[in-house]
Amino acid sequence: MVETLLGILKEQRMAWSWAVIIGLFLIVVGHAPILPVIAGCSLAVGVSVLRAWPRISAKAAVRGTR
């Protein structure tokens, strides 16, 4: 099963939503600087996307080929 980047991004909708909500809260209520907040929210979503990216282990590759 090959997952595309678009499919993984669709699976991470909750992370995107919370990143936007927390970012707006920090900027509007907390008067935080905009660029570090955007960078932090993007980094958090990026890490969650990378963790969801499928990996092929050595055992799975050997087991699947004949």
N, C-alpha and C. Protein backbone atom coordinates (compact mmCIF):
# COMPACT_ATOMS: atom_id res chain seq x y z
N MET A 1 0.84 -1.17 0.00
CA MET A 1 0.00 0.00 0.00
C MET A 1 0.89 1.24 0.00
N VAL A 2 0.81 2.00 -1.04
CA VAL A 2 1.63 3.20 -1.18
C VAL A 2 0.80 4.41 -0.77
N GLU A 3 1.31 5.13 0.20
CA GLU A 3 0.63 6.33 0.66
C GLU A 3 1.26 7.55 -0.02
N THR A 4 0.45 8.44 -0.49
CA THR A 4 0.97 9.67 -1.09
C THR A 4 1.03 10.76 -0.03
N LEU A 5 1.74 11.82 -0.36
CA LEU A 5 1.84 12.95 0.56
C LEU A 5 0.47 13.58 0.80
N LEU A 6 -0.33 13.66 -0.25
CA LEU A 6 -1.67 14.24 -0.11
C LEU A 6 -2.53 13.39 0.82
N GLY A 7 -2.44 12.08 0.71
CA GLY A 7 -3.20 11.20 1.59
C GLY A 7 -2.79 11.35 3.05
N ILE A 8 -1.49 11.49 3.28
CA ILE A 8 -1.01 11.66 4.66
C ILE A 8 -1.44 13.02 5.20
N LEU A 9 -1.41 14.05 4.35
CA LEU A 9 -1.86 15.37 4.81
C LEU A 9 -3.35 15.35 5.16
N LYS A 10 -4.14 14.58 4.41
CA LYS A 10 -5.56 14.46 4.73
C LYS A 10 -5.77 13.76 6.06
N GLU A 11 -4.90 12.79 6.36
CA GLU A 11 -5.00 12.09 7.64
C GLU A 11 -4.61 13.00 8.80
N GLN A 12 -3.81 14.01 8.54
CA GLN A 12 -3.32 14.90 9.59
C GLN A 12 -4.16 16.18 9.71
N ARG A 13 -5.43 16.11 9.32
CA ARG A 13 -6.29 17.31 9.38
C ARG A 13 -6.43 17.85 10.79
N MET A 14 -6.49 16.98 11.78
CA MET A 14 -6.63 17.43 13.17
C MET A 14 -5.39 18.20 13.61
N ALA A 15 -4.21 17.75 13.21
CA ALA A 15 -2.98 18.46 13.56
C ALA A 15 -2.96 19.84 12.90
N TRP A 16 -3.36 19.92 11.62
CA TRP A 16 -3.43 21.22 10.95
C TRP A 16 -4.41 22.14 11.66
N SER A 17 -5.57 21.61 12.03
CA SER A 17 -6.59 22.43 12.68
C SER A 17 -6.09 22.99 14.01
N TRP A 18 -5.50 22.12 14.82
CA TRP A 18 -5.00 22.58 16.11
C TRP A 18 -3.83 23.54 15.96
N ALA A 19 -3.00 23.34 14.95
CA ALA A 19 -1.89 24.27 14.74
C ALA A 19 -2.41 25.66 14.40
N VAL A 20 -3.45 25.74 13.59
CA VAL A 20 -4.03 27.04 13.24
C VAL A 20 -4.69 27.67 14.46
N ILE A 21 -5.45 26.89 15.22
CA ILE A 21 -6.14 27.43 16.41
C ILE A 21 -5.14 27.94 17.44
N ILE A 22 -4.13 27.14 17.75
CA ILE A 22 -3.14 27.54 18.76
C ILE A 22 -2.32 28.73 18.25
N GLY A 23 -1.99 28.72 16.95
CA GLY A 23 -1.25 29.85 16.39
C GLY A 23 -2.02 31.15 16.48
N LEU A 24 -3.30 31.10 16.12
CA LEU A 24 -4.13 32.31 16.24
C LEU A 24 -4.27 32.76 17.69
N PHE A 25 -4.42 31.81 18.59
CA PHE A 25 -4.54 32.14 20.01
C PHE A 25 -3.26 32.82 20.51
N LEU A 26 -2.10 32.28 20.13
CA LEU A 26 -0.85 32.88 20.57
C LEU A 26 -0.65 34.28 20.00
N ILE A 27 -1.03 34.47 18.74
CA ILE A 27 -0.82 35.76 18.10
C ILE A 27 -1.82 36.80 18.59
N VAL A 28 -3.12 36.43 18.66
CA VAL A 28 -4.15 37.42 19.00
C VAL A 28 -4.18 37.69 20.50
N VAL A 29 -4.22 36.66 21.30
CA VAL A 29 -4.37 36.85 22.75
C VAL A 29 -3.02 37.08 23.43
N GLY A 30 -2.02 36.29 23.02
CA GLY A 30 -0.72 36.37 23.68
C GLY A 30 0.22 37.39 23.10
N HIS A 31 -0.16 38.03 21.98
CA HIS A 31 0.67 39.03 21.32
C HIS A 31 2.07 38.48 21.00
N ALA A 32 2.11 37.22 20.59
CA ALA A 32 3.38 36.59 20.24
C ALA A 32 3.81 37.05 18.85
N PRO A 33 5.11 37.02 18.58
CA PRO A 33 5.59 37.38 17.24
C PRO A 33 5.09 36.38 16.20
N ILE A 34 4.75 36.88 15.04
CA ILE A 34 4.06 36.06 14.03
C ILE A 34 4.98 35.00 13.42
N LEU A 35 6.17 35.39 13.00
CA LEU A 35 7.05 34.44 12.31
C LEU A 35 7.44 33.23 13.16
N PRO A 36 7.83 33.39 14.43
CA PRO A 36 8.15 32.20 15.22
C PRO A 36 6.93 31.30 15.45
N VAL A 37 5.75 31.89 15.57
CA VAL A 37 4.54 31.08 15.76
C VAL A 37 4.26 30.27 14.50
N ILE A 38 4.37 30.90 13.32
CA ILE A 38 4.14 30.18 12.07
C ILE A 38 5.18 29.08 11.90
N ALA A 39 6.43 29.38 12.23
CA ALA A 39 7.48 28.37 12.11
C ALA A 39 7.24 27.20 13.06
N GLY A 40 6.83 27.49 14.28
CA GLY A 40 6.58 26.42 15.25
C GLY A 40 5.39 25.56 14.87
N CYS A 41 4.33 26.17 14.40
CA CYS A 41 3.15 25.41 13.97
C CYS A 41 3.48 24.55 12.75
N SER A 42 4.23 25.10 11.82
CA SER A 42 4.63 24.33 10.64
C SER A 42 5.54 23.17 11.01
N LEU A 43 6.44 23.41 11.94
CA LEU A 43 7.34 22.36 12.40
C LEU A 43 6.57 21.24 13.09
N ALA A 44 5.60 21.60 13.92
CA ALA A 44 4.80 20.58 14.61
C ALA A 44 4.02 19.72 13.62
N VAL A 45 3.42 20.33 12.64
CA VAL A 45 2.67 19.56 11.63
C VAL A 45 3.64 18.75 10.78
N GLY A 46 4.78 19.31 10.45
CA GLY A 46 5.77 18.59 9.66
C GLY A 46 6.28 17.34 10.35
N VAL A 47 6.51 17.45 11.65
CA VAL A 47 6.96 16.28 12.41
C VAL A 47 5.87 15.21 12.45
N SER A 48 4.63 15.62 12.63
CA SER A 48 3.56 14.62 12.66
C SER A 48 3.37 13.95 11.29
N VAL A 49 3.58 14.69 10.20
CA VAL A 49 3.49 14.10 8.86
C VAL A 49 4.64 13.11 8.65
N LEU A 50 5.85 13.49 9.08
CA LEU A 50 6.99 12.58 8.92
C LEU A 50 6.82 11.30 9.74
N ARG A 51 6.22 11.43 10.92
CA ARG A 51 6.00 10.23 11.73
C ARG A 51 4.94 9.33 11.12
N ALA A 52 4.02 9.90 10.35
CA ALA A 52 2.98 9.10 9.72
C ALA A 52 3.43 8.52 8.38
N TRP A 53 4.58 8.96 7.86
CA TRP A 53 5.06 8.50 6.57
C TRP A 53 5.42 7.02 6.67
N PRO A 54 4.94 6.20 5.76
CA PRO A 54 5.21 4.76 5.85
C PRO A 54 6.68 4.45 5.59
N ARG A 55 7.19 3.50 6.36
CA ARG A 55 8.58 3.07 6.19
C ARG A 55 8.60 1.61 5.81
N ILE A 56 9.53 1.25 4.99
CA ILE A 56 9.70 -0.16 4.63
C ILE A 56 10.91 -0.67 5.40
N SER A 57 10.66 -1.60 6.29
CA SER A 57 11.77 -2.16 7.06
C SER A 57 12.47 -3.23 6.23
N ALA A 58 13.65 -3.62 6.68
CA ALA A 58 14.42 -4.63 5.94
C ALA A 58 13.68 -5.97 5.94
N LYS A 59 13.04 -6.33 7.05
CA LYS A 59 12.32 -7.59 7.13
C LYS A 59 11.11 -7.59 6.20
N ALA A 60 10.39 -6.48 6.13
CA ALA A 60 9.22 -6.41 5.26
C ALA A 60 9.63 -6.49 3.79
N ALA A 61 10.75 -5.88 3.45
CA ALA A 61 11.21 -5.94 2.06
C ALA A 61 11.65 -7.35 1.69
N VAL A 62 12.34 -8.03 2.61
CA VAL A 62 12.78 -9.39 2.33
C VAL A 62 11.60 -10.33 2.30
N ARG A 63 10.69 -10.17 3.22
CA ARG A 63 9.53 -11.04 3.32
C ARG A 63 8.63 -10.89 2.11
N GLY A 64 8.55 -9.69 1.55
CA GLY A 64 7.63 -9.44 0.45
C GLY A 64 8.16 -9.82 -0.91
N THR A 65 9.45 -10.08 -1.02
CA THR A 65 10.02 -10.40 -2.33
C THR A 65 10.41 -11.87 -2.38
N ARG A 66 10.25 -12.45 -3.55
CA ARG A 66 10.66 -13.85 -3.74
C ARG A 66 11.33 -14.01 -5.05
